[in-house]
Amino acid sequence: LGFIYLGTLLIKLILFCLFFYNPVFTVDSFSFNEKMALFIPL
């Protein structure tokens, strides 16, 4: 089960990258507020 959980975390990370590629990963740099806005929900 622990290994299955680690696999699901990897899938969650990949899906996050797919869903939020344009709004998150195409930005040159984030302000501190934007970094925290991503980190807090995570």
All heavy atoms as atom14 arrays in JSON, in Angstrom:
{
  "sequence": "LGFIYLGTLLIKLILFCLFFYNPVFTVDSFSFNEKMALFIPL",
  "atom14_mask": [
    [1, 1, 1, 1, 1, 1, 1, 1, 0, 0, 0, 0, 0, 0],
    [1, 1, 1, 1, 0, 0, 0, 0, 0, 0, 0, 0, 0, 0],
    [1, 1, 1, 1, 1, 1, 1, 1, 1, 1, 1, 0, 0, 0],
    [1, 1, 1, 1, 1, 1, 1, 1, 0, 0, 0, 0, 0, 0],
    [1, 1, 1, 1, 1, 1, 1, 1, 1, 1, 1, 1, 0, 0],
    [1, 1, 1, 1, 1, 1, 1, 1, 0, 0, 0, 0, 0, 0],
    [1, 1, 1, 1, 0, 0, 0, 0, 0, 0, 0, 0, 0, 0],
    [1, 1, 1, 1, 1, 1, 1, 0, 0, 0, 0, 0, 0, 0],
    [1, 1, 1, 1, 1, 1, 1, 1, 0, 0, 0, 0, 0, 0],
    [1, 1, 1, 1, 1, 1, 1, 1, 0, 0, 0, 0, 0, 0],
    [1, 1, 1, 1, 1, 1, 1, 1, 0, 0, 0, 0, 0, 0],
    [1, 1, 1, 1, 1, 1, 1, 1, 1, 0, 0, 0, 0, 0],
    [1, 1, 1, 1, 1, 1, 1, 1, 0, 0, 0, 0, 0, 0],
    [1, 1, 1, 1, 1, 1, 1, 1, 0, 0, 0, 0, 0, 0],
    [1, 1, 1, 1, 1, 1, 1, 1, 0, 0, 0, 0, 0, 0],
    [1, 1, 1, 1, 1, 1, 1, 1, 1, 1, 1, 0, 0, 0],
    [1, 1, 1, 1, 1, 1, 0, 0, 0, 0, 0, 0, 0, 0],
    [1, 1, 1, 1, 1, 1, 1, 1, 0, 0, 0, 0, 0, 0],
    [1, 1, 1, 1, 1, 1, 1, 1, 1, 1, 1, 0, 0, 0],
    [1, 1, 1, 1, 1, 1, 1, 1, 1, 1, 1, 0, 0, 0],
    [1, 1, 1, 1, 1, 1, 1, 1, 1, 1, 1, 1, 0, 0],
    [1, 1, 1, 1, 1, 1, 1, 1, 0, 0, 0, 0, 0, 0],
    [1, 1, 1, 1, 1, 1, 1, 0, 0, 0, 0, 0, 0, 0],
    [1, 1, 1, 1, 1, 1, 1, 0, 0, 0, 0, 0, 0, 0],
    [1, 1, 1, 1, 1, 1, 1, 1, 1, 1, 1, 0, 0, 0],
    [1, 1, 1, 1, 1, 1, 1, 0, 0, 0, 0, 0, 0, 0],
    [1, 1, 1, 1, 1, 1, 1, 0, 0, 0, 0, 0, 0, 0],
    [1, 1, 1, 1, 1, 1, 1, 1, 0, 0, 0, 0, 0, 0],
    [1, 1, 1, 1, 1, 1, 0, 0, 0, 0, 0, 0, 0, 0],
    [1, 1, 1, 1, 1, 1, 1, 1, 1, 1, 1, 0, 0, 0],
    [1, 1, 1, 1, 1, 1, 0, 0, 0, 0, 0, 0, 0, 0],
    [1, 1, 1, 1, 1, 1, 1, 1, 1, 1, 1, 0, 0, 0],
    [1, 1, 1, 1, 1, 1, 1, 1, 0, 0, 0, 0, 0, 0],
    [1, 1, 1, 1, 1, 1, 1, 1, 1, 0, 0, 0, 0, 0],
    [1, 1, 1, 1, 1, 1, 1, 1, 1, 0, 0, 0, 0, 0],
    [1, 1, 1, 1, 1, 1, 1, 1, 0, 0, 0, 0, 0, 0],
    [1, 1, 1, 1, 1, 0, 0, 0, 0, 0, 0, 0, 0, 0],
    [1, 1, 1, 1, 1, 1, 1, 1, 0, 0, 0, 0, 0, 0],
    [1, 1, 1, 1, 1, 1, 1, 1, 1, 1, 1, 0, 0, 0],
    [1, 1, 1, 1, 1, 1, 1, 1, 0, 0, 0, 0, 0, 0],
    [1, 1, 1, 1, 1, 1, 1, 0, 0, 0, 0, 0, 0, 0],
    [1, 1, 1, 1, 1, 1, 1, 1, 0, 0, 0, 0, 0, 0]
  ],
  "atom14_positions": [
    [[0.81, -1.22, 0.0], [0.0, 0.0, 0.0], [0.85, 1.27, 0.0], [0.5, 2.25, -0.66], [-0.94, -0.01, 1.2], [-2.28, 0.64, 1.04], [-3.02, 0.11, -0.17], [-3.12, 0.45, 2.27], [0.0, 0.0, 0.0], [0.0, 0.0, 0.0], [0.0, 0.0, 0.0], [0.0, 0.0, 0.0], [0.0, 0.0, 0.0], [0.0, 0.0, 0.0]],
    [[1.96, 1.26, 0.72], [2.83, 2.44, 0.74], [3.4, 2.74, -0.63], [3.48, 3.91, -1.05], [0.0, 0.0, 0.0], [0.0, 0.0, 0.0], [0.0, 0.0, 0.0], [0.0, 0.0, 0.0], [0.0, 0.0, 0.0], [0.0, 0.0, 0.0], [0.0, 0.0, 0.0], [0.0, 0.0, 0.0], [0.0, 0.0, 0.0], [0.0, 0.0, 0.0]],
    [[3.79, 1.71, -1.35], [4.32, 1.9, -2.7], [3.22, 2.35, -3.66], [3.46, 3.15, -4.57], [4.98, 0.62, -3.2], [6.21, 0.26, -2.43], [6.22, -0.88, -1.64], [7.34, 1.06, -2.47], [7.35, -1.22, -0.91], [8.47, 0.73, -1.74], [8.47, -0.4, -0.96], [0.0, 0.0, 0.0], [0.0, 0.0, 0.0], [0.0, 0.0, 0.0]],
    [[2.03, 1.81, -3.47], [0.9, 2.24, -4.29], [0.61, 3.72, -4.06], [0.35, 4.47, -5.01], [-0.34, 1.37, -3.99], [-0.09, -0.08, -4.43], [-1.6, 1.93, -4.65], [-1.14, -1.07, -3.97], [0.0, 0.0, 0.0], [0.0, 0.0, 0.0], [0.0, 0.0, 0.0], [0.0, 0.0, 0.0], [0.0, 0.0, 0.0], [0.0, 0.0, 0.0]],
    [[0.71, 4.15, -2.81], [0.5, 5.57, -2.5], [1.55, 6.44, -3.19], [1.22, 7.48, -3.75], [0.51, 5.8, -0.99], [0.42, 7.25, -0.61], [-0.7, 8.01, -0.96], [1.44, 7.89, 0.09], [-0.78, 9.35, -0.62], [1.35, 9.22, 0.43], [0.24, 9.94, 0.07], [0.16, 11.25, 0.39], [0.0, 0.0, 0.0], [0.0, 0.0, 0.0]],
    [[2.78, 6.02, -3.16], [3.84, 6.79, -3.84], [3.56, 6.88, -5.33], [3.8, 7.93, -5.96], [5.2, 6.17, -3.57], [5.71, 6.29, -2.14], [7.03, 5.54, -1.98], [5.86, 7.74, -1.74], [0.0, 0.0, 0.0], [0.0, 0.0, 0.0], [0.0, 0.0, 0.0], [0.0, 0.0, 0.0], [0.0, 0.0, 0.0], [0.0, 0.0, 0.0]],
    [[3.06, 5.8, -5.92], [2.7, 5.82, -7.33], [1.57, 6.79, -7.62], [1.58, 7.5, -8.64], [0.0, 0.0, 0.0], [0.0, 0.0, 0.0], [0.0, 0.0, 0.0], [0.0, 0.0, 0.0], [0.0, 0.0, 0.0], [0.0, 0.0, 0.0], [0.0, 0.0, 0.0], [0.0, 0.0, 0.0], [0.0, 0.0, 0.0], [0.0, 0.0, 0.0]],
    [[0.6, 6.83, -6.72], [-0.52, 7.76, -6.92], [-0.06, 9.21, -6.79], [-0.6, 10.08, -7.46], [-1.68, 7.49, -5.95], [-1.23, 7.63, -4.61], [-2.28, 6.12, -6.18], [0.0, 0.0, 0.0], [0.0, 0.0, 0.0], [0.0, 0.0, 0.0], [0.0, 0.0, 0.0], [0.0, 0.0, 0.0], [0.0, 0.0, 0.0], [0.0, 0.0, 0.0]],
    [[0.92, 9.46, -5.94], [1.46, 10.82, -5.84], [2.13, 11.23, -7.14], [2.02, 12.38, -7.57], [2.46, 10.93, -4.68], [1.86, 10.99, -3.29], [2.98, 11.09, -2.25], [0.92, 12.16, -3.15], [0.0, 0.0, 0.0], [0.0, 0.0, 0.0], [0.0, 0.0, 0.0], [0.0, 0.0, 0.0], [0.0, 0.0, 0.0], [0.0, 0.0, 0.0]],
    [[2.84, 10.31, -7.77], [3.47, 10.59, -9.05], [2.41, 10.87, -10.11], [2.55, 11.83, -10.89], [4.35, 9.42, -9.48], [5.05, 9.56, -10.82], [6.05, 10.71, -10.78], [5.76, 8.27, -11.19], [0.0, 0.0, 0.0], [0.0, 0.0, 0.0], [0.0, 0.0, 0.0], [0.0, 0.0, 0.0], [0.0, 0.0, 0.0], [0.0, 0.0, 0.0]],
    [[1.35, 10.09, -10.13], [0.26, 10.32, -11.08], [-0.39, 11.68, -10.82], [-0.7, 12.43, -11.76], [-0.78, 9.19, -11.01], [-0.16, 7.89, -11.53], [-2.05, 9.53, -11.78], [-0.99, 6.66, -11.28], [0.0, 0.0, 0.0], [0.0, 0.0, 0.0], [0.0, 0.0, 0.0], [0.0, 0.0, 0.0], [0.0, 0.0, 0.0], [0.0, 0.0, 0.0]],
    [[-0.56, 12.03, -9.56], [-1.16, 13.32, -9.21], [-0.27, 14.46, -9.69], [-0.76, 15.46, -10.23], [-1.37, 13.41, -7.69], [-2.07, 14.65, -7.23], [-2.27, 14.61, -5.71], [-2.86, 15.89, -5.19], [-3.03, 15.87, -3.73], [0.0, 0.0, 0.0], [0.0, 0.0, 0.0], [0.0, 0.0, 0.0], [0.0, 0.0, 0.0], [0.0, 0.0, 0.0]],
    [[1.04, 14.32, -9.55], [1.98, 15.34, -10.01], [1.91, 15.49, -11.53], [1.88, 16.61, -12.06], [3.4, 14.99, -9.58], [4.51, 15.89, -10.09], [4.38, 17.28, -9.51], [5.86, 15.3, -9.77], [0.0, 0.0, 0.0], [0.0, 0.0, 0.0], [0.0, 0.0, 0.0], [0.0, 0.0, 0.0], [0.0, 0.0, 0.0], [0.0, 0.0, 0.0]],
    [[1.86, 14.38, -12.24], [1.79, 14.42, -13.7], [0.48, 15.07, -14.16], [0.48, 15.92, -15.07], [1.93, 12.99, -14.29], [3.36, 12.49, -14.07], [1.56, 12.96, -15.77], [3.56, 11.01, -14.36], [0.0, 0.0, 0.0], [0.0, 0.0, 0.0], [0.0, 0.0, 0.0], [0.0, 0.0, 0.0], [0.0, 0.0, 0.0], [0.0, 0.0, 0.0]],
    [[-0.62, 14.71, -13.52], [-1.91, 15.31, -13.87], [-1.92, 16.81, -13.56], [-2.49, 17.6, -14.33], [-3.05, 14.6, -13.14], [-3.36, 13.2, -13.63], [-4.41, 12.54, -12.74], [-3.82, 13.22, -15.08], [0.0, 0.0, 0.0], [0.0, 0.0, 0.0], [0.0, 0.0, 0.0], [0.0, 0.0, 0.0], [0.0, 0.0, 0.0], [0.0, 0.0, 0.0]],
    [[-1.3, 17.21, -12.46], [-1.22, 18.64, -12.14], [-0.47, 19.37, -13.24], [-0.89, 20.45, -13.68], [-0.53, 18.85, -10.78], [-0.48, 20.29, -10.37], [-1.56, 20.87, -9.73], [0.63, 21.07, -10.62], [-1.53, 22.2, -9.34], [0.68, 22.39, -10.24], [-0.41, 22.96, -9.61], [0.0, 0.0, 0.0], [0.0, 0.0, 0.0], [0.0, 0.0, 0.0]],
    [[0.64, 18.79, -13.68], [1.42, 19.41, -14.76], [0.62, 19.5, -16.05], [0.71, 20.49, -16.77], [2.71, 18.63, -14.99], [3.88, 18.74, -13.64], [0.0, 0.0, 0.0], [0.0, 0.0, 0.0], [0.0, 0.0, 0.0], [0.0, 0.0, 0.0], [0.0, 0.0, 0.0], [0.0, 0.0, 0.0], [0.0, 0.0, 0.0], [0.0, 0.0, 0.0]],
    [[-0.17, 18.48, -16.35], [-0.99, 18.51, -17.57], [-2.11, 19.54, -17.48], [-2.35, 20.3, -18.42], [-1.59, 17.12, -17.83], [-0.64, 16.04, -18.29], [-1.35, 14.69, -18.37], [-0.03, 16.4, -19.64], [0.0, 0.0, 0.0], [0.0, 0.0, 0.0], [0.0, 0.0, 0.0], [0.0, 0.0, 0.0], [0.0, 0.0, 0.0], [0.0, 0.0, 0.0]],
    [[-2.83, 19.55, -16.36], [-3.97, 20.46, -16.22], [-3.55, 21.92, -16.11], [-4.26, 22.8, -16.58], [-4.81, 20.1, -15.0], [-5.57, 18.81, -15.13], [-5.93, 18.09, -14.01], [-5.94, 18.3, -16.36], [-6.63, 16.91, -14.11], [-6.64, 17.12, -16.48], [-6.99, 16.42, -15.35], [0.0, 0.0, 0.0], [0.0, 0.0, 0.0], [0.0, 0.0, 0.0]],
    [[-2.44, 22.18, -15.48], [-2.05, 23.56, -15.21], [-0.79, 23.97, -15.96], [-0.07, 24.86, -15.53], [-1.85, 23.76, -13.7], [-3.12, 23.55, -12.93], [-3.31, 22.39, -12.2], [-4.13, 24.48, -12.96], [-4.48, 22.18, -11.51], [-5.3, 24.28, -12.27], [-5.49, 23.13, -11.53], [0.0, 0.0, 0.0], [0.0, 0.0, 0.0], [0.0, 0.0, 0.0]],
    [[-0.55, 23.34, -17.1], [0.66, 23.66, -17.86], [0.67, 25.12, -18.31], [1.62, 25.85, -18.04], [0.81, 22.74, -19.08], [2.05, 23.04, -19.86], [3.29, 22.58, -19.4], [2.01, 23.79, -21.02], [4.45, 22.86, -20.09], [3.16, 24.07, -21.72], [4.38, 23.61, -21.26], [5.52, 23.9, -21.94], [0.0, 0.0, 0.0], [0.0, 0.0, 0.0]],
    [[-0.39, 25.57, -18.99], [-0.42, 26.94, -19.49], [-0.42, 28.0, -18.4], [0.38, 28.93, -18.43], [-1.61, 27.15, -20.44], [-1.36, 26.54, -21.79], [-0.22, 26.39, -22.22], [-2.43, 26.15, -22.46], [0.0, 0.0, 0.0], [0.0, 0.0, 0.0], [0.0, 0.0, 0.0], [0.0, 0.0, 0.0], [0.0, 0.0, 0.0], [0.0, 0.0, 0.0]],
    [[-1.31, 27.91, -17.4], [-1.32, 28.99, -16.41], [-0.12, 28.98, -15.46], [0.23, 30.02, -14.92], [-2.61, 28.78, -15.64], [-3.02, 27.39, -15.9], [-2.41, 26.99, -17.2], [0.0, 0.0, 0.0], [0.0, 0.0, 0.0], [0.0, 0.0, 0.0], [0.0, 0.0, 0.0], [0.0, 0.0, 0.0], [0.0, 0.0, 0.0], [0.0, 0.0, 0.0]],
    [[0.52, 27.85, -15.27], [1.56, 27.77, -14.24], [2.96, 27.65, -14.84], [3.89, 28.31, -14.4], [1.29, 26.6, -13.26], [2.42, 26.43, -12.29], [-0.01, 26.84, -12.51], [0.0, 0.0, 0.0], [0.0, 0.0, 0.0], [0.0, 0.0, 0.0], [0.0, 0.0, 0.0], [0.0, 0.0, 0.0], [0.0, 0.0, 0.0], [0.0, 0.0, 0.0]],
    [[3.12, 26.83, -15.85], [4.46, 26.51, -16.33], [4.94, 27.35, -17.49], [6.08, 27.21, -17.92], [4.54, 25.02, -16.67], [4.37, 24.14, -15.48], [3.2, 23.42, -15.3], [5.34, 24.06, -14.51], [3.03, 22.62, -14.18], [5.17, 23.28, -13.38], [4.02, 22.55, -13.23], [0.0, 0.0, 0.0], [0.0, 0.0, 0.0], [0.0, 0.0, 0.0]],
    [[4.11, 28.21, -18.05], [4.56, 29.07, -19.13], [4.95, 30.46, -18.64], [5.39, 31.28, -19.43], [3.47, 29.19, -20.23], [2.27, 29.69, -19.64], [3.22, 27.85, -20.88], [0.0, 0.0, 0.0], [0.0, 0.0, 0.0], [0.0, 0.0, 0.0], [0.0, 0.0, 0.0], [0.0, 0.0, 0.0], [0.0, 0.0, 0.0], [0.0, 0.0, 0.0]],
    [[4.81, 30.71, -17.37], [5.16, 32.01, -16.78], [6.67, 32.06, -16.56], [7.27, 31.08, -16.11], [4.41, 32.21, -15.44], [4.81, 33.5, -14.78], [2.92, 32.16, -15.67], [0.0, 0.0, 0.0], [0.0, 0.0, 0.0], [0.0, 0.0, 0.0], [0.0, 0.0, 0.0], [0.0, 0.0, 0.0], [0.0, 0.0, 0.0], [0.0, 0.0, 0.0]],
    [[7.28, 33.19, -16.9], [8.73, 33.33, -16.73], [9.14, 33.25, -15.27], [10.06, 32.53, -14.92], [9.22, 34.64, -17.33], [9.15, 34.62, -18.85], [9.22, 33.52, -19.43], [9.02, 35.7, -19.45], [0.0, 0.0, 0.0], [0.0, 0.0, 0.0], [0.0, 0.0, 0.0], [0.0, 0.0, 0.0], [0.0, 0.0, 0.0], [0.0, 0.0, 0.0]],
    [[8.47, 34.0, -14.43], [8.78, 33.93, -13.0], [7.54, 34.33, -12.21], [6.71, 35.11, -12.66], [9.94, 34.86, -12.65], [9.57, 36.2, -12.87], [0.0, 0.0, 0.0], [0.0, 0.0, 0.0], [0.0, 0.0, 0.0], [0.0, 0.0, 0.0], [0.0, 0.0, 0.0], [0.0, 0.0, 0.0], [0.0, 0.0, 0.0], [0.0, 0.0, 0.0]],
    [[7.44, 33.76, -11.03], [6.32, 34.03, -10.14], [6.74, 35.02, -9.07], [7.89, 35.01, -8.63], [5.85, 32.75, -9.44], [5.04, 31.84, -10.3], [5.46, 30.55, -10.54], [3.86, 32.26, -10.86], [4.72, 29.7, -11.32], [3.1, 31.41, -11.65], [3.53, 30.14, -11.88], [0.0, 0.0, 0.0], [0.0, 0.0, 0.0], [0.0, 0.0, 0.0]],
    [[5.77, 35.8, -8.61], [6.01, 36.62, -7.44], [5.93, 35.72, -6.21], [5.49, 34.58, -6.29], [4.95, 37.73, -7.36], [3.68, 37.18, -7.11], [0.0, 0.0, 0.0], [0.0, 0.0, 0.0], [0.0, 0.0, 0.0], [0.0, 0.0, 0.0], [0.0, 0.0, 0.0], [0.0, 0.0, 0.0], [0.0, 0.0, 0.0], [0.0, 0.0, 0.0]],
    [[6.35, 36.25, -5.08], [6.29, 35.48, -3.83], [4.84, 35.09, -3.52], [4.58, 33.97, -3.08], [6.89, 36.29, -2.68], [6.82, 35.59, -1.37], [7.68, 34.55, -1.07], [5.87, 35.96, -0.42], [7.61, 33.89, 0.14], [5.8, 35.31, 0.79], [6.68, 34.27, 1.07], [0.0, 0.0, 0.0], [0.0, 0.0, 0.0], [0.0, 0.0, 0.0]],
    [[3.89, 36.0, -3.78], [2.48, 35.72, -3.51], [1.97, 34.55, -4.36], [1.21, 33.72, -3.87], [1.63, 36.96, -3.8], [2.05, 38.13, -2.96], [2.5, 37.96, -1.84], [1.92, 39.32, -3.51], [0.0, 0.0, 0.0], [0.0, 0.0, 0.0], [0.0, 0.0, 0.0], [0.0, 0.0, 0.0], [0.0, 0.0, 0.0], [0.0, 0.0, 0.0]],
    [[2.39, 34.5, -5.6], [1.95, 33.41, -6.47], [2.57, 32.08, -6.06], [1.91, 31.04, -6.1], [2.3, 33.73, -7.93], [1.47, 34.87, -8.49], [1.91, 35.31, -9.85], [3.12, 35.29, -10.14], [1.02, 35.66, -10.66], [0.0, 0.0, 0.0], [0.0, 0.0, 0.0], [0.0, 0.0, 0.0], [0.0, 0.0, 0.0], [0.0, 0.0, 0.0]],
    [[3.82, 32.12, -5.64], [4.46, 30.89, -5.16], [3.74, 30.36, -3.92], [3.5, 29.16, -3.79], [5.93, 31.14, -4.82], [6.79, 31.38, -6.03], [8.22, 31.69, -5.62], [9.07, 32.09, -6.8], [10.42, 32.49, -6.42], [0.0, 0.0, 0.0], [0.0, 0.0, 0.0], [0.0, 0.0, 0.0], [0.0, 0.0, 0.0], [0.0, 0.0, 0.0]],
    [[3.4, 31.26, -3.02], [2.69, 30.85, -1.81], [1.27, 30.37, -2.14], [0.76, 29.45, -1.5], [2.65, 31.99, -0.79], [4.0, 32.33, -0.2], [4.91, 30.92, 0.45], [3.87, 30.4, 1.77], [0.0, 0.0, 0.0], [0.0, 0.0, 0.0], [0.0, 0.0, 0.0], [0.0, 0.0, 0.0], [0.0, 0.0, 0.0], [0.0, 0.0, 0.0]],
    [[0.64, 31.0, -3.13], [-0.7, 30.59, -3.53], [-0.7, 29.18, -4.11], [-1.71, 28.48, -4.04], [-1.29, 31.58, -4.53], [0.0, 0.0, 0.0], [0.0, 0.0, 0.0], [0.0, 0.0, 0.0], [0.0, 0.0, 0.0], [0.0, 0.0, 0.0], [0.0, 0.0, 0.0], [0.0, 0.0, 0.0], [0.0, 0.0, 0.0], [0.0, 0.0, 0.0]],
    [[0.4, 28.74, -4.67], [0.52, 27.36, -5.14], [0.91, 26.41, -4.01], [0.45, 25.28, -3.96], [1.58, 27.26, -6.25], [1.17, 27.75, -7.62], [2.37, 27.74, -8.55], [0.06, 26.89, -8.18], [0.0, 0.0, 0.0], [0.0, 0.0, 0.0], [0.0, 0.0, 0.0], [0.0, 0.0, 0.0], [0.0, 0.0, 0.0], [0.0, 0.0, 0.0]],
    [[1.75, 26.89, -3.11], [2.28, 26.03, -2.05], [1.27, 25.75, -0.94], [1.19, 24.64, -0.43], [3.54, 26.66, -1.45], [4.13, 25.86, -0.33], [4.78, 24.66, -0.59], [4.02, 26.29, 0.98], [5.31, 23.92, 0.44], [4.55, 25.56, 2.01], [5.2, 24.37, 1.74], [0.0, 0.0, 0.0], [0.0, 0.0, 0.0], [0.0, 0.0, 0.0]],
    [[0.48, 26.74, -0.57], [-0.46, 26.59, 0.56], [-1.49, 25.48, 0.3], [-1.66, 24.6, 1.16], [-1.12, 27.94, 0.9], [-0.08, 28.87, 1.52], [-2.32, 27.76, 1.83], [-0.54, 30.3, 1.7], [0.0, 0.0, 0.0], [0.0, 0.0, 0.0], [0.0, 0.0, 0.0], [0.0, 0.0, 0.0], [0.0, 0.0, 0.0], [0.0, 0.0, 0.0]],
    [[-2.18, 25.46, -0.84], [-3.13, 24.34, -1.06], [-2.42, 22.99, -1.12], [-2.94, 21.99, -0.61], [-3.8, 24.66, -2.39], [-3.42, 26.02, -2.74], [-2.27, 26.43, -1.91], [0.0, 0.0, 0.0], [0.0, 0.0, 0.0], [0.0, 0.0, 0.0], [0.0, 0.0, 0.0], [0.0, 0.0, 0.0], [0.0, 0.0, 0.0], [0.0, 0.0, 0.0]],
    [[-1.25, 22.96, -1.73], [-0.48, 21.71, -1.79], [-0.18, 21.21, -0.4], [-0.4, 20.03, -0.09], [0.82, 21.93, -2.57], [1.8, 20.76, -2.56], [1.25, 19.61, -3.37], [3.14, 21.2, -3.09], [0.0, 0.0, 0.0], [0.0, 0.0, 0.0], [0.0, 0.0, 0.0], [0.0, 0.0, 0.0], [0.0, 0.0, 0.0], [0.0, 0.0, 0.0]]
  ]
}
